[in-house]
């Protein structure tokens, strides 16, 4: 069984293999380093929190060295909503994994 990544509204949006995050189609998007989530170019995206990628005000953004992008994984079936939706008050950061560019707060 896959370890799913969920959006803040409880829908499965991706999965984790080793320390990498993939979308449901198997496209590699980023990696988890401790509790931080970064794109493969090293830019900070958010925090890993209860199987979600979120923007937490107490997060400690920083840029890390780039890493090579792993190969695609086989697509994974979308799970039905397995979790109860709890509003922790953090914005969903999973869509930021698909963006390119530099996040200003990562340099601070």
Protein backbone atom coordinates (compact mmCIF):
# COMPACT_ATOMS: atom_id res chain seq x y z
CA UNK A 1 0.00 0.00 0.00
CA UNK A 2 1.29 3.44 -0.91
CA UNK A 3 1.93 6.26 1.51
CA UNK A 4 -0.32 8.93 0.05
CA UNK A 5 0.15 12.67 0.18
CA UNK A 6 -3.11 14.48 0.84
CA UNK A 7 -4.33 17.98 0.12
CA UNK A 8 -5.59 20.01 3.04
CA UNK A 9 -9.14 19.10 2.03
CA UNK A 10 -8.37 15.38 2.45
CA UNK A 11 -8.01 14.31 -1.19
CA UNK A 12 -5.05 12.15 -2.25
CA UNK A 13 -2.78 14.21 -4.54
CA UNK A 14 0.44 12.21 -4.62
CA UNK A 15 2.54 9.60 -2.91
CA UNK A 16 5.90 9.21 -1.20
CA UNK A 17 8.56 6.71 -2.26
CA UNK A 18 11.68 6.71 -0.12
CA UNK A 19 12.05 10.46 0.61
CA UNK A 20 10.69 11.68 -2.72
CA UNK A 21 7.21 13.03 -3.44
CA UNK A 22 5.45 12.09 -6.68
CA UNK A 23 2.12 13.06 -8.17
CA UNK A 24 -0.39 10.26 -8.74
CA UNK A 25 0.88 9.84 -12.32
CA UNK A 26 4.36 9.00 -11.00
CA UNK A 27 6.06 12.29 -11.88
CA UNK A 28 8.73 13.22 -9.30
CA UNK A 29 8.00 16.63 -7.77
CA UNK A 30 10.21 17.09 -4.72
CA UNK A 31 11.79 15.58 -1.67
CA UNK A 32 11.35 15.55 2.07
CA UNK A 33 14.39 16.57 4.13
CA UNK A 34 13.59 16.26 7.81
CA UNK A 35 10.26 18.05 8.06
CA UNK A 36 10.95 20.41 5.14
CA UNK A 37 9.80 19.84 1.57
CA UNK A 38 11.97 21.07 -1.30
CA UNK A 39 11.88 20.89 -5.05
CA UNK A 40 14.78 19.07 -6.66
CA UNK A 41 16.38 22.42 -7.52
CA UNK A 42 16.74 22.99 -3.75
CA UNK A 43 14.05 25.65 -3.28
CA UNK A 44 11.86 25.41 -0.21
CA UNK A 45 8.17 24.67 -0.71
CA UNK A 46 6.71 23.92 2.71
CA UNK A 47 6.61 21.56 5.64
CA UNK A 48 5.69 17.87 5.83
CA UNK A 49 2.83 17.77 8.31
CA UNK A 50 0.42 14.87 8.87
CA UNK A 51 0.83 13.45 5.35
CA UNK A 52 0.42 16.89 3.75
CA UNK A 53 2.71 19.57 2.34
CA UNK A 54 1.70 22.82 4.02
CA UNK A 55 2.93 26.36 4.59
CA UNK A 56 3.49 26.74 8.34
CA UNK A 57 4.42 30.11 9.80
CA UNK A 58 6.85 28.41 12.19
CA UNK A 59 8.57 26.62 9.26
CA UNK A 60 12.24 27.40 8.75
CA UNK A 61 12.64 27.92 5.02
CA UNK A 62 16.06 27.64 3.47
CA UNK A 63 17.60 26.71 0.17
CA UNK A 64 19.47 23.42 0.02
CA UNK A 65 21.79 22.05 -2.67
CA UNK A 66 19.99 20.69 -5.74
CA UNK A 67 19.48 16.96 -6.12
CA UNK A 68 19.13 14.86 -9.22
CA UNK A 69 15.57 14.12 -10.23
CA UNK A 70 14.74 10.45 -9.75
CA UNK A 71 13.08 8.47 -12.53
CA UNK A 72 9.32 8.38 -12.88
CA UNK A 73 7.48 5.76 -10.87
CA UNK A 74 4.55 3.75 -12.13
CA UNK A 75 1.26 5.63 -11.67
CA UNK A 76 -0.64 4.81 -8.53
CA UNK A 77 -4.37 4.48 -8.15
CA UNK A 78 -5.97 7.40 -6.41
CA UNK A 79 -7.16 6.39 -3.01
CA UNK A 80 -10.58 7.31 -1.84
CA UNK A 81 -10.65 9.86 0.92
CA UNK A 82 -9.14 7.90 3.79
CA UNK A 83 -8.85 10.67 6.28
CA UNK A 84 -11.16 12.94 8.12
CA UNK A 85 -10.71 16.55 7.17
CA UNK A 86 -9.27 18.58 10.02
CA UNK A 87 -8.55 22.25 9.43
CA UNK A 88 -5.16 22.86 11.00
CA UNK A 89 -5.12 26.38 9.61
CA UNK A 90 -2.18 25.85 7.25
CA UNK A 91 -2.43 26.59 3.52
CA UNK A 92 -1.88 23.71 1.11
CA UNK A 93 1.59 23.88 -0.47
CA UNK A 94 1.47 20.75 -2.65
CA UNK A 95 0.65 22.79 -5.82
CA UNK A 96 3.86 24.77 -5.27
CA UNK A 97 5.88 21.64 -6.05
CA UNK A 98 4.79 22.02 -9.69
CA UNK A 99 5.85 25.66 -9.95
CA UNK A 100 9.26 26.97 -10.89
CA UNK A 101 11.08 29.96 -9.52
CA UNK A 102 12.58 31.17 -6.32
CA UNK A 103 10.65 31.66 -3.08
CA UNK A 104 11.84 34.85 -1.44
CA UNK A 105 11.39 33.59 2.12
CA UNK A 106 13.78 30.73 1.41
CA UNK A 107 16.63 33.23 1.26
CA UNK A 108 15.83 34.85 4.58
